[in-house]
Amino acid sequence: AQPSDEILFHKFSQLGDQKAFEELLARRQNGFYRLALVLCRNPALAEEAVQEAVMWIAAQANKFQNTGDGSFKNWSCGVVRNCSKHLIRKEINRTGRKVHGDRPLAGAGEQAVYFEEDPTVKNEAQAATAKALNDALLTLDEDVRTAVALRFYEGMTFDDIGAVEGVSAQMIHKRVAKGLHLLRSKLASAGVALSVVQVEAVLGGGLTVQ
């Protein structure tokens, strides 16, 4: 069996095992980027956010508290979230461009980004649905899309997301529910008819579209 994230990070933080850290990053870096992309809605900013997050994780390794399986993922996703939000604020201050729920930070004339080469995509119909869903996700308000991304892309519990976001699990549940209904509505407007349950399944990679 493969060592857990927590074991690998312990080897790095306590024993200086650089190979363990590289193995951990290889396992988690795609997830970091996907989360940063959902938040930043800009590939360049997302890459920068991940780089900052990885440097912070390495430099502040002693701040990690191992509370069991999943604790590194929760902690590191919180770091990615914070770095992403920091860069968003810097970009807004630099450009004077505000972020609206229906306008990517990438700016006027630039298309919303979406996730390519998703291993859960099985056919052309599902690829089209995944693209429409990702495009719709990027138009949601930041707090809602963060909750949805952490819940379905990272598989975090409502309690864990609440800890990262600094709100109650009940509030996260409301944000996720709101996000699912908004996504269903936006998909319907784009000609993709899915129920809320099906939207949830596509986000979780559990629905094959025929």
C-alpha atoms as a PDB file:
ATOM      1  CA  ALA A   1       0.000   0.000   0.000  1.00  0.00           C
ATOM      2  CA  GLN A   2       1.139   3.529  -0.728  1.00  0.00           C
ATOM      3  CA  PRO A   3       2.116   5.670   2.256  1.00  0.00           C
ATOM      4  CA  SER A   4      -0.463   8.277   3.248  1.00  0.00           C
ATOM      5  CA  ASP A   5      -0.001  11.982   2.609  1.00  0.00           C
ATOM      6  CA  GLU A   6       0.586  12.425   6.313  1.00  0.00           C
ATOM      7  CA  ILE A   7       3.394   9.839   6.409  1.00  0.00           C
ATOM      8  CA  LEU A   8       5.109  11.388   3.397  1.00  0.00           C
ATOM      9  CA  PHE A   9       4.873  14.865   4.870  1.00  0.00           C
ATOM     10  CA  HIS A  10       6.208  13.628   8.208  1.00  0.00           C
ATOM     11  CA  LYS A  11       9.224  12.148   6.411  1.00  0.00           C
ATOM     12  CA  PHE A  12       9.834  15.516   4.773  1.00  0.00           C
ATOM     13  CA  SER A  13       9.161  17.813   7.713  1.00  0.00           C
ATOM     14  CA  GLN A  14      10.807  15.742  10.428  1.00  0.00           C
ATOM     15  CA  LEU A  15      13.455  13.742   8.553  1.00  0.00           C
ATOM     16  CA  GLY A  16      14.261  16.074   5.665  1.00  0.00           C
ATOM     17  CA  ASP A  17      13.281  13.465   3.072  1.00  0.00           C
ATOM     18  CA  GLN A  18      13.035  15.544  -0.125  1.00  0.00           C
ATOM     19  CA  LYS A  19      11.969  12.557  -2.229  1.00  0.00           C
ATOM     20  CA  ALA A  20       8.973  12.050   0.053  1.00  0.00           C
ATOM     21  CA  PHE A  21       7.963  15.677  -0.518  1.00  0.00           C
ATOM     22  CA  GLU A  22       8.352  15.284  -4.289  1.00  0.00           C
ATOM     23  CA  GLU A  23       6.168  12.169  -4.200  1.00  0.00           C
ATOM     24  CA  LEU A  24       3.556  14.050  -2.186  1.00  0.00           C
ATOM     25  CA  LEU A  25       3.550  16.964  -4.628  1.00  0.00           C
ATOM     26  CA  ALA A  26       3.226  14.610  -7.596  1.00  0.00           C
ATOM     27  CA  ARG A  27       0.143  13.199  -5.894  1.00  0.00           C
ATOM     28  CA  ARG A  28      -1.453  16.528  -4.947  1.00  0.00           C
ATOM     29  CA  GLN A  29      -0.261  19.171  -7.408  1.00  0.00           C
ATOM     30  CA  ASN A  30      -3.022  18.643 -10.014  1.00  0.00           C
ATOM     31  CA  GLY A  31      -5.629  19.054  -7.288  1.00  0.00           C
ATOM     32  CA  PHE A  32      -3.896  22.204  -6.060  1.00  0.00           C
ATOM     33  CA  TYR A  33      -3.962  23.664  -9.561  1.00  0.00           C
ATOM     34  CA  ARG A  34      -7.591  22.773 -10.162  1.00  0.00           C
ATOM     35  CA  LEU A  35      -8.612  24.434  -6.899  1.00  0.00           C
ATOM     36  CA  ALA A  36      -6.513  27.529  -7.648  1.00  0.00           C
ATOM     37  CA  LEU A  37      -8.009  27.720 -11.134  1.00  0.00           C
ATOM     38  CA  VAL A  38     -11.546  27.606  -9.757  1.00  0.00           C
ATOM     39  CA  LEU A  39     -10.694  30.460  -7.407  1.00  0.00           C
ATOM     40  CA  CYS A  40      -8.515  32.622  -9.662  1.00  0.00           C
ATOM     41  CA  ARG A  41     -10.275  31.921 -12.984  1.00  0.00           C
ATOM     42  CA  ASN A  42      -6.961  32.702 -14.639  1.00  0.00           C
ATOM     43  CA  PRO A  43      -4.361  30.021 -15.525  1.00  0.00           C
ATOM     44  CA  ALA A  44      -1.329  32.227 -14.931  1.00  0.00           C
ATOM     45  CA  LEU A  45      -2.568  33.354 -11.513  1.00  0.00           C
ATOM     46  CA  ALA A  46      -3.496  29.770 -10.640  1.00  0.00           C
ATOM     47  CA  GLU A  47       0.023  28.558 -11.443  1.00  0.00           C
ATOM     48  CA  GLU A  48       1.517  31.365  -9.365  1.00  0.00           C
ATOM     49  CA  ALA A  49      -0.825  30.552  -6.479  1.00  0.00           C
ATOM     50  CA  VAL A  50       0.243  26.901  -6.518  1.00  0.00           C
ATOM     51  CA  GLN A  51       3.922  27.877  -6.576  1.00  0.00           C
ATOM     52  CA  GLU A  52       3.424  30.190  -3.605  1.00  0.00           C
ATOM     53  CA  ALA A  53       1.435  27.531  -1.770  1.00  0.00           C
ATOM     54  CA  VAL A  54       4.095  24.857  -2.288  1.00  0.00           C
ATOM     55  CA  MET A  55       6.825  27.211  -1.039  1.00  0.00           C
ATOM     56  CA  TRP A  56       4.717  28.132   1.996  1.00  0.00           C
ATOM     57  CA  ILE A  57       3.948  24.480   2.772  1.00  0.00           C
ATOM     58  CA  ALA A  58       7.654  23.620   2.627  1.00  0.00           C
ATOM     59  CA  ALA A  59       8.706  26.625   4.709  1.00  0.00           C
ATOM     60  CA  GLN A  60       5.957  26.246   7.310  1.00  0.00           C
ATOM     61  CA  ALA A  61       5.945  22.454   7.550  1.00  0.00           C
ATOM     62  CA  ASN A  62       6.225  22.645  11.343  1.00  0.00           C
ATOM     63  CA  LYS A  63       2.781  24.281  11.495  1.00  0.00           C
ATOM     64  CA  PHE A  64       1.045  21.174  10.183  1.00  0.00           C
ATOM     65  CA  GLN A  65      -0.894  19.209  12.779  1.00  0.00           C
ATOM     66  CA  ASN A  66      -1.558  15.586  11.873  1.00  0.00           C
ATOM     67  CA  THR A  67      -5.058  14.747  13.069  1.00  0.00           C
ATOM     68  CA  GLY A  68      -5.472  11.635  10.934  1.00  0.00           C
ATOM     69  CA  ASP A  69      -6.144  10.645   7.332  1.00  0.00           C
ATOM     70  CA  GLY A  70      -7.037  13.613   5.154  1.00  0.00           C
ATOM     71  CA  SER A  71      -5.555  16.216   7.464  1.00  0.00           C
ATOM     72  CA  PHE A  72      -2.719  17.115   5.071  1.00  0.00           C
ATOM     73  CA  LYS A  73      -5.142  17.540   2.181  1.00  0.00           C
ATOM     74  CA  ASN A  74      -7.393  19.787   4.257  1.00  0.00           C
ATOM     75  CA  TRP A  75      -4.475  21.860   5.531  1.00  0.00           C
ATOM     76  CA  SER A  76      -2.759  22.184   2.163  1.00  0.00           C
ATOM     77  CA  CYS A  77      -6.004  23.072   0.363  1.00  0.00           C
ATOM     78  CA  GLY A  78      -6.441  25.828   2.915  1.00  0.00           C
ATOM     79  CA  VAL A  79      -2.972  27.104   2.004  1.00  0.00           C
ATOM     80  CA  VAL A  80      -3.822  27.032  -1.725  1.00  0.00           C
ATOM     81  CA  ARG A  81      -7.063  28.885  -1.007  1.00  0.00           C
ATOM     82  CA  ASN A  82      -5.280  31.596   0.963  1.00  0.00           C
ATOM     83  CA  CYS A  83      -2.559  32.052  -1.659  1.00  0.00           C
ATOM     84  CA  SER A  84      -5.158  32.232  -4.427  1.00  0.00           C
ATOM     85  CA  LYS A  85      -7.193  34.867  -2.614  1.00  0.00           C
ATOM     86  CA  HIS A  86      -4.051  36.871  -1.860  1.00  0.00           C
ATOM     87  CA  LEU A  87      -3.096  36.930  -5.545  1.00  0.00           C
ATOM     88  CA  ILE A  88      -6.644  37.852  -6.573  1.00  0.00           C
ATOM     89  CA  ARG A  89      -6.530  40.883  -4.275  1.00  0.00           C
ATOM     90  CA  LYS A  90      -3.126  41.869  -5.658  1.00  0.00           C
ATOM     91  CA  GLU A  91      -4.362  41.551  -9.245  1.00  0.00           C
ATOM     92  CA  ILE A  92      -7.461  43.625  -8.549  1.00  0.00           C
ATOM     93  CA  ASN A  93      -5.326  46.329  -6.918  1.00  0.00           C
ATOM     94  CA  ARG A  94      -2.864  46.235  -9.801  1.00  0.00           C
ATOM     95  CA  THR A  95      -5.390  46.407 -12.631  1.00  0.00           C
ATOM     96  CA  GLY A  96      -8.323  48.126 -10.956  1.00  0.00           C
ATOM     97  CA  ARG A  97     -10.525  45.421 -12.445  1.00  0.00           C
ATOM     98  CA  LYS A  98     -13.277  44.146 -10.209  1.00  0.00           C
ATOM     99  CA  VAL A  99     -14.338  40.523 -10.130  1.00  0.00           C
ATOM    100  CA  HIS A 100     -17.982  39.884 -10.889  1.00  0.00           C
ATOM    101  CA  GLY A 101     -19.801  36.597 -10.510  1.00  0.00           C
ATOM    102  CA  ASP A 102     -20.325  36.302 -14.255  1.00  0.00           C
ATOM    103  CA  ARG A 103     -16.990  37.724 -15.425  1.00  0.00           C
ATOM    104  CA  PRO A 104     -13.691  35.819 -15.111  1.00  0.00           C
ATOM    105  CA  LEU A 105     -10.761  37.707 -13.646  1.00  0.00           C
ATOM    106  CA  ALA A 106      -8.974  36.991 -16.922  1.00  0.00           C
ATOM    107  CA  GLY A 107     -10.710  40.098 -18.263  1.00  0.00           C
ATOM    108  CA  ALA A 108     -12.773  41.210 -21.199  1.00  0.00           C
ATOM    109  CA  GLY A 109     -12.188  39.335 -24.436  1.00  0.00           C
ATOM    110  CA  GLU A 110     -10.660  36.316 -22.740  1.00  0.00           C
ATOM    111  CA  GLN A 111     -12.635  33.122 -22.534  1.00  0.00           C
ATOM    112  CA  ALA A 112     -13.378  31.366 -19.284  1.00  0.00           C
ATOM    113  CA  VAL A 113     -10.966  28.500 -18.732  1.00  0.00           C
ATOM    114  CA  TYR A 114     -12.028  24.940 -18.115  1.00  0.00           C
ATOM    115  CA  PHE A 115     -10.315  21.736 -17.128  1.00  0.00           C
ATOM    116  CA  GLU A 116      -8.917  19.627 -19.909  1.00  0.00           C
ATOM    117  CA  GLU A 117      -7.964  15.960 -20.000  1.00  0.00           C
ATOM    118  CA  ASP A 118     -10.243  15.062 -17.113  1.00  0.00           C
ATOM    119  CA  PRO A 119      -9.709  11.327 -16.502  1.00  0.00           C
ATOM    120  CA  THR A 120     -13.402  10.912 -15.610  1.00  0.00           C
ATOM    121  CA  VAL A 121     -14.518  11.966 -19.118  1.00  0.00           C
ATOM    122  CA  LYS A 122     -15.506   8.853 -21.047  1.00  0.00           C
ATOM    123  CA  ASN A 123     -17.011  10.135 -24.323  1.00  0.00           C
ATOM    124  CA  GLU A 124     -17.783  13.239 -26.380  1.00  0.00           C
ATOM    125  CA  ALA A 125     -21.177  13.810 -24.754  1.00  0.00           C
ATOM    126  CA  GLN A 126     -19.645  13.682 -21.299  1.00  0.00           C
ATOM    127  CA  ALA A 127     -16.788  15.923 -22.414  1.00  0.00           C
ATOM    128  CA  ALA A 128     -19.297  18.536 -23.605  1.00  0.00           C
ATOM    129  CA  THR A 129     -21.208  18.286 -20.347  1.00  0.00           C
ATOM    130  CA  ALA A 130     -18.008  18.570 -18.292  1.00  0.00           C
ATOM    131  CA  LYS A 131     -16.942  21.673 -20.235  1.00  0.00           C
ATOM    132  CA  ALA A 132     -20.359  23.305 -19.814  1.00  0.00           C
ATOM    133  CA  LEU A 133     -20.302  22.488 -16.112  1.00  0.00           C
ATOM    134  CA  ASN A 134     -16.797  23.862 -15.596  1.00  0.00           C
ATOM    135  CA  ASP A 135     -17.649  27.033 -17.518  1.00  0.00           C
ATOM    136  CA  ALA A 136     -20.761  27.453 -15.350  1.00  0.00           C
ATOM    137  CA  LEU A 137     -18.806  26.791 -12.147  1.00  0.00           C
ATOM    138  CA  LEU A 138     -16.409  29.619 -12.945  1.00  0.00           C
ATOM    139  CA  THR A 139     -19.300  32.110 -13.034  1.00  0.00           C
ATOM    140  CA  LEU A 140     -20.434  31.396  -9.462  1.00  0.00           C
ATOM    141  CA  ASP A 141     -19.604  33.748  -6.618  1.00  0.00           C
ATOM    142  CA  GLU A 142     -16.272  32.990  -4.970  1.00  0.00           C
ATOM    143  CA  ASP A 143     -17.605  31.598  -1.692  1.00  0.00           C
ATOM    144  CA  VAL A 144     -20.042  29.287  -3.486  1.00  0.00           C
ATOM    145  CA  ARG A 145     -17.618  27.944  -6.075  1.00  0.00           C
ATOM    146  CA  THR A 146     -14.957  27.416  -3.394  1.00  0.00           C
ATOM    147  CA  ALA A 147     -17.357  25.303  -1.358  1.00  0.00           C
ATOM    148  CA  VAL A 148     -18.424  23.316  -4.423  1.00  0.00           C
ATOM    149  CA  ALA A 149     -14.823  22.741  -5.542  1.00  0.00           C
ATOM    150  CA  LEU A 150     -13.628  21.605  -2.120  1.00  0.00           C
ATOM    151  CA  ARG A 151     -16.638  19.357  -1.670  1.00  0.00           C
ATOM    152  CA  PHE A 152     -16.607  17.588  -5.045  1.00  0.00           C
ATOM    153  CA  TYR A 153     -13.113  17.984  -6.453  1.00  0.00           C
ATOM    154  CA  GLU A 154     -11.257  17.425  -3.187  1.00  0.00           C
ATOM    155  CA  GLY A 155     -13.868  15.258  -1.429  1.00  0.00           C
ATOM    156  CA  MET A 156     -13.766  17.287   1.780  1.00  0.00           C
ATOM    157  CA  THR A 157     -16.510  17.103   4.396  1.00  0.00           C
ATOM    158  CA  PHE A 158     -18.716  20.075   5.262  1.00  0.00           C
ATOM    159  CA  ASP A 159     -16.962  20.315   8.626  1.00  0.00           C
ATOM    160  CA  ASP A 160     -13.507  20.383   7.031  1.00  0.00           C
ATOM    161  CA  ILE A 161     -14.523  22.972   4.434  1.00  0.00           C
ATOM    162  CA  GLY A 162     -16.052  25.070   7.187  1.00  0.00           C
ATOM    163  CA  ALA A 163     -12.753  24.969   9.061  1.00  0.00           C
ATOM    164  CA  VAL A 164     -10.895  26.143   5.953  1.00  0.00           C
ATOM    165  CA  GLU A 165     -13.429  28.889   5.181  1.00  0.00           C
ATOM    166  CA  GLY A 166     -13.939  29.974   8.777  1.00  0.00           C
ATOM    167  CA  VAL A 167     -17.698  29.354   8.803  1.00  0.00           C
ATOM    168  CA  SER A 168     -20.026  26.656  10.088  1.00  0.00           C
ATOM    169  CA  ALA A 169     -20.613  23.337   8.379  1.00  0.00           C
ATOM    170  CA  GLN A 170     -24.257  24.368   8.029  1.00  0.00           C
ATOM    171  CA  MET A 171     -23.225  27.453   6.066  1.00  0.00           C
ATOM    172  CA  ILE A 172     -21.056  25.325   3.771  1.00  0.00           C
ATOM    173  CA  HIS A 173     -23.983  22.960   3.224  1.00  0.00           C
ATOM    174  CA  LYS A 174     -26.109  25.944   2.160  1.00  0.00           C
ATOM    175  CA  ARG A 175     -23.403  27.214  -0.199  1.00  0.00           C
ATOM    176  CA  VAL A 176     -23.014  23.804  -1.840  1.00  0.00           C
ATOM    177  CA  ALA A 177     -26.769  23.410  -2.234  1.00  0.00           C
ATOM    178  CA  LYS A 178     -27.010  26.899  -3.732  1.00  0.00           C
ATOM    179  CA  GLY A 179     -24.154  26.116  -6.090  1.00  0.00           C
ATOM    180  CA  LEU A 180     -25.750  22.889  -7.314  1.00  0.00           C
ATOM    181  CA  HIS A 181     -29.058  24.617  -8.070  1.00  0.00           C
ATOM    182  CA  LEU A 182     -27.310  27.512  -9.828  1.00  0.00           C
ATOM    183  CA  LEU A 183     -25.240  25.103 -11.900  1.00  0.00           C
ATOM    184  CA  ARG A 184     -28.356  23.178 -12.908  1.00  0.00           C
ATOM    185  CA  SER A 185     -30.013  26.418 -14.007  1.00  0.00           C
ATOM    186  CA  LYS A 186     -26.951  27.620 -15.935  1.00  0.00           C
ATOM    187  CA  LEU A 187     -26.592  24.253 -17.652  1.00  0.00           C
ATOM    188  CA  ALA A 188     -30.263  24.327 -18.652  1.00  0.00           C
ATOM    189  CA  SER A 189     -29.699  27.764 -20.218  1.00  0.00           C
ATOM    190  CA  ALA A 190     -26.817  26.240 -22.180  1.00  0.00           C
ATOM    191  CA  GLY A 191     -29.044  23.416 -23.432  1.00  0.00           C
ATOM    192  CA  VAL A 192     -27.792  20.751 -21.027  1.00  0.00           C
ATOM    193  CA  ALA A 193     -30.641  19.212 -19.060  1.00  0.00           C
ATOM    194  CA  LEU A 194     -29.483  17.623 -15.802  1.00  0.00           C
ATOM    195  CA  SER A 195     -31.120  17.208 -12.424  1.00  0.00           C
ATOM    196  CA  VAL A 196     -29.390  18.489  -9.292  1.00  0.00           C
ATOM    197  CA  VAL A 197     -28.495  14.892  -8.432  1.00  0.00           C
ATOM    198  CA  GLN A 198     -26.937  14.435 -11.876  1.00  0.00           C
ATOM    199  CA  VAL A 199     -24.989  17.694 -11.552  1.00  0.00           C
ATOM    200  CA  GLU A 200     -23.641  16.384  -8.261  1.00  0.00           C
ATOM    201  CA  ALA A 201     -22.696  13.090  -9.912  1.00  0.00           C
ATOM    202  CA  VAL A 202     -20.871  14.794 -12.800  1.00  0.00           C
ATOM    203  CA  LEU A 203     -18.931  16.985 -10.366  1.00  0.00           C
ATOM    204  CA  GLY A 204     -17.947  13.885  -8.440  1.00  0.00           C
ATOM    205  CA  GLY A 205     -17.014  11.992 -11.600  1.00  0.00           C
ATOM    206  CA  GLY A 206     -19.704   9.376 -11.047  1.00  0.00           C
ATOM    207  CA  LEU A 207     -22.042   9.977 -14.000  1.00  0.00           C
ATOM    208  CA  THR A 208     -21.478   8.733 -17.510  1.00  0.00           C
ATOM    209  CA  VAL A 209     -23.422  10.724 -20.092  1.00  0.00           C
ATOM    210  CA  GLN A 210     -24.633   8.549 -22.961  1.00  0.00           C
END
